[in-house]
Amino acid sequence: MTSPATTETDQTLATLLRIADALERIAPPARKPADLTLADAFVWHPAGSELAPVARVNRVALSLLRGVDRVRDTLAENTERFARGLPANNVLLWGARGMGKSSLVKSVHADTNQRLQGEALPLKLIEIHREDIESLPVLMGLLRPDAHRAIVFCDDLSFDGGDTSYKSLKAALDGGVEGRPGNVVFYATSNRRHLLPRDMMENERSTSINPGEAIEEKVSLSDRFGLWLGFHKCSQDEYLAMIDGYVGHFGLEIEREALHHEALEWATTRGSRSGRTAWQYIQDLAGRLGKTLEG
C-alpha cells in the first residue's frame, strides 16, 4: 500500500517534470554557428539568430554607376584594404535620395571579391534592417569567431525621437568591453549626415542636467564612422551620362537625340534627376522596346 507521503512526492515530481518540459518547449533554440560558406551575401534575422543566404543579390555593375567617381574610389579602397586584412573604417554614405548609395555598397562588394579572387577569403555582405539594430551586438558576437571578413550593411539608417536603439549601434561599433570584431566593418546609408533629427537633439538639451554632454552623445554616433561619403544631386550632364551608360550596356537601340529628350522629360515629370530616376526611365524604355534588362 502506497503511503500518502509517497503519493505526494510522486505528484510533486510529476508537476516539476511538466514545468521543465513546458520551459524547454518555450526556450529559444540553441544558437547555431554561422556558416558563411553558403553564400557571399546574407540577411540577418534576429528572431532565430539566423543568417539567411541570398542566392542572387539585387545590384548593378560598378561601371554603370556614374557621377559618383570620388566616393566610389574611396569606398573601393577602404573595402579592398579590409578584405586584405588591413585596417579599415566604418563608412556612412549620406546625402541625396536615389543617387546610388546602397547600389554602390553592393557593387563595390561584388567588384572587390572578383578582383581579389584567390588572394583572400571571399568578403561577406550581411544586411541588417533598421528595426533590428538593437540585435547588432548579437550579430557581432556570431561573426567574431569566423575566419571570413564581413561588411554589416544597414540601408536608410536614421533614428527618431524616443528611439534609444542608437546606443546599441554605438556600443557595437566602437565601445563595450570586447569592442568591434576585427573581421567586421559597418556600412550604412542615410539621408542625414548626423543620423539623428535636430528636434531630438534639442529635446535632449532641454531635459538634460548637462545639455552639452547630451548633445555630444548624439553627435558622437556619427563619429563612429571613420569615413563620411557625401552624395549630392547630379547635374544634367551626369544624369544623361547615366542614361547613355545603361543604353550601351543593355544594347537598347534608340536615336541619341530622342533618347536625351525623353530622359530629360522623364526627369522633369518626377521633379528630380538621380540615378534612381535614370534607372526607372531605362526600365520603361526597355519595356517599350521589348528588351529584357540582363547582363
Protein backbone atom coordinates (compact mmCIF):
# COMPACT_ATOMS: atom_id res chain seq x y z
CA MET A 1 0.00 0.00 0.00
CA THR A 2 1.41 3.39 -1.03
CA SER A 3 1.77 5.89 1.78
CA PRO A 4 0.29 9.42 1.48
CA ALA A 5 3.84 10.87 1.65
CA THR A 6 4.99 8.77 -1.31
CA THR A 7 1.94 9.78 -3.36
CA GLU A 8 2.52 13.44 -2.60
CA THR A 9 6.20 13.13 -3.61
CA ASP A 10 5.25 11.47 -6.90
CA GLN A 11 2.73 14.21 -7.65
CA THR A 12 5.29 16.91 -6.90
CA LEU A 13 7.84 15.20 -9.15
CA ALA A 14 5.30 14.89 -11.96
CA THR A 15 4.44 18.58 -11.63
CA LEU A 16 8.12 19.56 -11.76
CA LEU A 17 8.64 17.39 -14.85
CA ARG A 18 5.71 19.07 -16.60
CA ILE A 19 7.06 22.50 -15.72
CA ALA A 20 10.53 21.58 -17.01
CA ASP A 21 9.02 20.21 -20.21
CA ALA A 22 6.99 23.40 -20.74
CA LEU A 23 10.06 25.60 -20.16
CA GLU A 24 12.06 23.54 -22.65
CA ARG A 25 9.36 23.98 -25.28
CA ILE A 26 9.25 27.78 -24.94
CA ALA A 27 13.02 28.23 -24.62
CA PRO A 28 14.68 29.78 -27.71
CA PRO A 29 16.50 27.28 -29.89
CA ALA A 30 20.23 26.91 -29.36
CA ARG A 31 22.14 29.42 -31.44
CA LYS A 32 23.69 27.76 -34.49
CA PRO A 33 27.17 28.83 -35.59
CA ALA A 34 27.10 30.95 -38.73
CA ASP A 35 28.01 29.13 -41.95
CA LEU A 36 29.34 31.90 -44.16
CA THR A 37 30.42 29.46 -46.87
CA LEU A 38 26.81 29.16 -48.10
CA ALA A 39 26.83 32.47 -49.99
CA ASP A 40 28.61 35.82 -50.31
CA ALA A 41 25.57 37.78 -49.08
CA PHE A 42 23.14 37.23 -46.21
CA VAL A 43 20.18 38.86 -44.48
CA TRP A 44 20.19 38.89 -40.67
CA HIS A 45 17.03 37.57 -38.94
CA PRO A 46 17.41 38.25 -35.21
CA ALA A 47 14.33 36.25 -34.12
CA GLY A 48 16.15 32.99 -34.76
CA SER A 49 19.69 34.41 -34.75
CA GLU A 50 19.79 33.31 -38.38
CA LEU A 51 21.85 34.46 -41.34
CA ALA A 52 19.71 33.73 -44.41
CA PRO A 53 21.85 33.28 -47.55
CA VAL A 54 20.98 35.39 -50.60
CA ALA A 55 21.45 33.45 -53.83
CA ARG A 56 21.17 36.46 -56.17
CA VAL A 57 21.95 39.96 -54.94
CA ASN A 58 19.96 42.85 -56.43
CA ARG A 59 22.76 45.05 -57.78
CA VAL A 60 24.18 46.66 -60.91
CA ALA A 61 27.69 46.57 -62.36
CA LEU A 62 30.06 49.06 -60.76
CA SER A 63 30.86 50.54 -64.19
CA LEU A 64 27.21 51.66 -64.55
CA LEU A 65 27.29 53.93 -61.51
CA ARG A 66 28.04 57.41 -62.88
CA GLY A 67 28.56 60.76 -61.21
CA VAL A 68 29.98 59.23 -58.01
CA ASP A 69 33.59 58.67 -59.07
CA ARG A 70 35.28 60.14 -55.99
CA VAL A 71 33.16 58.36 -53.39
CA ARG A 72 33.28 55.17 -55.48
CA ASP A 73 37.08 55.13 -55.41
CA THR A 74 37.24 55.96 -51.70
CA LEU A 75 34.77 53.21 -50.77
CA ALA A 76 36.52 50.70 -53.06
CA GLU A 77 39.92 51.43 -51.47
CA ASN A 78 38.55 51.08 -47.94
CA THR A 79 36.77 47.83 -48.84
CA GLU A 80 39.82 46.31 -50.51
CA ARG A 81 42.04 47.10 -47.54
CA PHE A 82 39.50 45.46 -45.26
CA ALA A 83 39.22 42.36 -47.48
CA ARG A 84 43.02 42.03 -47.42
CA GLY A 85 43.04 42.02 -43.61
CA LEU A 86 44.31 45.58 -43.27
CA PRO A 87 42.81 48.31 -41.05
CA ALA A 88 39.65 49.90 -42.49
CA ASN A 89 36.94 52.28 -41.36
CA ASN A 90 33.21 52.06 -40.78
CA VAL A 91 31.51 54.06 -43.53
CA LEU A 92 28.48 56.37 -43.58
CA LEU A 93 27.16 57.12 -47.07
CA TRP A 94 24.82 60.09 -46.71
CA GLY A 95 23.02 62.58 -48.90
CA ALA A 96 20.53 62.92 -51.75
CA ARG A 97 17.98 60.22 -52.37
CA GLY A 98 18.32 57.97 -55.40
CA MET A 99 21.99 58.73 -56.06
CA GLY A 100 23.19 55.15 -55.67
CA LYS A 101 24.33 54.91 -52.04
CA SER A 102 23.11 51.36 -51.42
CA SER A 103 23.83 50.32 -55.03
CA LEU A 104 27.43 51.43 -54.57
CA VAL A 105 27.90 49.31 -51.43
CA LYS A 106 26.59 46.17 -53.15
CA SER A 107 28.53 46.80 -56.36
CA VAL A 108 31.83 47.51 -54.56
CA HIS A 109 31.39 44.31 -52.54
CA ALA A 110 30.99 42.23 -55.71
CA ASP A 111 33.81 44.04 -57.51
CA THR A 112 36.20 43.53 -54.58
CA ASN A 113 35.52 39.79 -54.46
CA GLN A 114 36.03 39.50 -58.19
CA ARG A 115 39.34 41.36 -58.17
CA LEU A 116 40.74 39.54 -55.11
CA GLN A 117 39.58 36.08 -56.11
CA GLY A 118 42.21 33.59 -54.96
CA GLU A 119 44.09 36.18 -52.90
CA ALA A 120 41.80 36.23 -49.85
CA LEU A 121 38.69 34.56 -48.47
CA PRO A 122 35.52 35.93 -50.09
CA LEU A 123 34.27 39.07 -48.39
CA LYS A 124 30.74 38.68 -46.99
CA LEU A 125 27.94 41.26 -47.14
CA ILE A 126 25.35 40.99 -44.36
CA GLU A 127 22.27 43.22 -44.43
CA ILE A 128 20.67 44.19 -41.13
CA HIS A 129 17.33 46.00 -41.21
CA ARG A 130 16.94 49.33 -39.44
CA GLU A 131 14.40 47.92 -36.97
CA ASP A 132 16.85 45.17 -35.94
CA ILE A 133 19.72 47.47 -34.93
CA GLU A 134 19.29 46.55 -31.26
CA SER A 135 20.35 42.99 -32.15
CA LEU A 136 23.61 44.20 -33.70
CA PRO A 137 25.73 43.11 -30.70
CA VAL A 138 24.34 39.57 -31.07
CA LEU A 139 25.24 39.53 -34.76
CA MET A 140 28.75 40.83 -34.00
CA GLY A 141 29.22 38.03 -31.47
CA LEU A 142 28.12 35.48 -34.06
CA LEU A 143 30.61 36.78 -36.63
CA ARG A 144 33.56 37.27 -34.28
CA PRO A 145 34.96 33.69 -34.37
CA ASP A 146 34.54 33.23 -38.14
CA ALA A 147 37.56 33.32 -40.44
CA HIS A 148 35.72 35.37 -43.06
CA ARG A 149 35.62 39.16 -43.04
CA ALA A 150 32.17 40.74 -43.25
CA ILE A 151 30.56 44.07 -44.09
CA VAL A 152 27.45 44.56 -41.98
CA PHE A 153 25.23 46.85 -44.03
CA CYS A 154 22.19 48.88 -42.97
CA ASP A 155 20.28 50.80 -45.63
CA ASP A 156 18.42 54.03 -44.83
CA LEU A 157 19.62 54.28 -41.23
CA SER A 158 18.18 57.03 -39.03
CA PHE A 159 16.68 57.45 -35.58
CA ASP A 160 13.54 59.28 -34.50
CA GLY A 161 12.50 60.85 -31.20
CA GLY A 162 12.29 58.40 -28.31
CA ASP A 163 14.33 55.78 -30.14
CA THR A 164 17.23 54.63 -27.97
CA SER A 165 18.49 51.81 -30.21
CA TYR A 166 21.25 54.15 -31.42
CA LYS A 167 23.03 53.28 -28.15
CA SER A 168 23.29 49.64 -29.26
CA LEU A 169 24.85 50.83 -32.50
CA LYS A 170 27.39 52.99 -30.67
CA ALA A 171 28.40 50.14 -28.38
CA ALA A 172 28.70 47.64 -31.22
CA LEU A 173 30.75 49.93 -33.44
CA ASP A 174 33.32 51.17 -31.00
CA GLY A 175 32.51 50.69 -27.34
CA GLY A 176 31.88 47.83 -24.95
CA VAL A 177 34.39 45.55 -23.29
CA GLU A 178 35.06 43.47 -26.41
CA GLY A 179 34.78 46.25 -28.98
CA ARG A 180 34.03 45.73 -32.64
CA PRO A 181 35.36 42.42 -34.01
CA GLY A 182 38.41 42.85 -36.21
CA ASN A 183 36.74 40.92 -39.01
CA VAL A 184 33.68 43.22 -39.22
CA VAL A 185 33.07 46.73 -40.54
CA PHE A 186 29.75 48.56 -40.60
CA TYR A 187 28.49 50.39 -43.71
CA ALA A 188 25.30 52.46 -43.52
CA THR A 189 23.37 54.73 -45.86
CA SER A 190 21.29 57.65 -44.66
CA ASN A 191 19.74 60.88 -45.88
CA ARG A 192 21.07 62.54 -42.71
CA ARG A 193 24.70 63.29 -42.03
CA HIS A 194 24.24 63.06 -38.27
CA LEU A 195 21.60 60.26 -38.28
CA LEU A 196 19.53 61.98 -35.58
CA PRO A 197 16.97 64.76 -36.22
CA ARG A 198 17.65 68.23 -34.83
CA ASP A 199 14.49 68.24 -32.68
CA MET A 200 15.64 65.05 -30.99
CA MET A 201 18.91 66.73 -30.07
CA GLU A 202 17.09 69.84 -28.82
CA ASN A 203 14.78 67.72 -26.64
CA GLU A 204 17.83 66.09 -25.09
CA ARG A 205 19.31 69.53 -24.45
CA SER A 206 16.19 70.82 -22.69
CA THR A 207 15.75 67.80 -20.39
CA SER A 208 19.37 67.03 -19.60
CA ILE A 209 21.19 68.04 -16.42
CA ASN A 210 24.21 68.74 -18.60
CA PRO A 211 22.86 69.73 -22.05
CA GLY A 212 26.30 69.89 -23.63
CA GLU A 213 27.06 66.27 -22.76
CA ALA A 214 23.68 65.15 -24.15
CA ILE A 215 24.34 66.80 -27.49
CA GLU A 216 27.88 65.41 -27.54
CA GLU A 217 26.49 61.89 -27.08
CA LYS A 218 24.12 62.34 -30.02
CA VAL A 219 26.71 63.77 -32.40
CA SER A 220 29.30 61.17 -31.39
CA LEU A 221 27.22 58.47 -33.07
CA SER A 222 28.29 59.72 -36.50
CA ASP A 223 31.86 59.94 -35.22
CA ARG A 224 31.92 56.15 -35.03
CA PHE A 225 32.11 56.21 -38.83
CA GLY A 226 35.66 56.96 -39.93
CA LEU A 227 34.52 57.74 -43.48
CA TRP A 228 31.67 60.09 -44.37
CA LEU A 229 30.90 59.92 -48.08
CA GLY A 230 28.53 62.61 -49.35
CA PHE A 231 26.16 62.15 -52.30
CA HIS A 232 24.66 65.21 -53.98
CA LYS A 233 22.07 65.76 -56.69
CA CYS A 234 23.51 65.13 -60.12
CA SER A 235 23.83 67.62 -62.93
CA GLN A 236 22.02 67.25 -66.24
CA ASP A 237 25.22 66.04 -67.90
CA GLU A 238 25.77 63.41 -65.21
CA TYR A 239 22.15 62.27 -65.49
CA LEU A 240 22.44 61.87 -69.26
CA ALA A 241 25.76 60.03 -68.82
CA MET A 242 23.90 57.52 -66.63
CA ILE A 243 21.26 57.12 -69.32
CA ASP A 244 23.89 56.61 -72.04
CA GLY A 245 25.73 54.08 -69.89
CA TYR A 246 22.62 51.97 -69.32
CA VAL A 247 21.60 52.13 -73.00
CA GLY A 248 25.05 51.00 -74.13
CA HIS A 249 25.31 48.27 -71.51
CA PHE A 250 21.94 46.72 -72.31
CA GLY A 251 22.11 47.29 -76.07
CA LEU A 252 18.95 49.40 -76.30
CA GLU A 253 18.55 50.81 -79.81
CA ILE A 254 17.28 54.40 -79.87
CA GLU A 255 18.42 57.58 -81.58
CA ARG A 256 20.57 59.60 -79.16
CA GLU A 257 18.75 62.93 -79.53
CA ALA A 258 15.38 61.29 -78.96
CA LEU A 259 16.83 59.36 -76.02
CA HIS A 260 18.05 62.50 -74.28
CA HIS A 261 14.81 64.37 -74.96
CA GLU A 262 12.74 61.54 -73.46
CA ALA A 263 15.09 61.09 -70.49
CA LEU A 264 15.01 64.77 -69.59
CA GLU A 265 11.22 64.87 -69.91
CA TRP A 266 11.01 61.82 -67.65
CA ALA A 267 13.14 63.54 -65.02
CA THR A 268 11.11 66.76 -65.27
CA THR A 269 7.82 64.96 -64.64
CA ARG A 270 9.31 63.42 -61.49
CA GLY A 271 10.92 66.60 -60.25
CA SER A 272 14.39 65.13 -59.85
CA ARG A 273 17.50 63.96 -61.64
CA SER A 274 19.14 60.97 -59.97
CA GLY A 275 20.47 57.51 -60.59
CA ARG A 276 17.15 56.06 -59.48
CA THR A 277 15.23 58.27 -61.90
CA ALA A 278 17.59 57.24 -64.71
CA TRP A 279 17.08 53.55 -63.94
CA GLN A 280 13.30 53.94 -63.85
CA TYR A 281 13.39 55.58 -67.28
CA ILE A 282 15.58 52.76 -68.63
CA GLN A 283 13.10 50.17 -67.35
CA ASP A 284 10.29 52.00 -69.14
CA LEU A 285 12.34 52.31 -72.33
CA ALA A 286 13.36 48.65 -72.34
CA GLY A 287 9.76 47.61 -71.83
CA ARG A 288 8.62 49.70 -74.80
CA LEU A 289 11.40 48.24 -76.93
CA GLY A 290 10.56 44.68 -75.87
CA LYS A 291 14.00 44.15 -74.33
CA THR A 292 15.00 42.46 -71.07
CA LEU A 293 17.49 44.08 -68.69
CA GLU A 294 20.02 41.31 -68.17
CA GLY A 295 23.75 41.15 -68.40
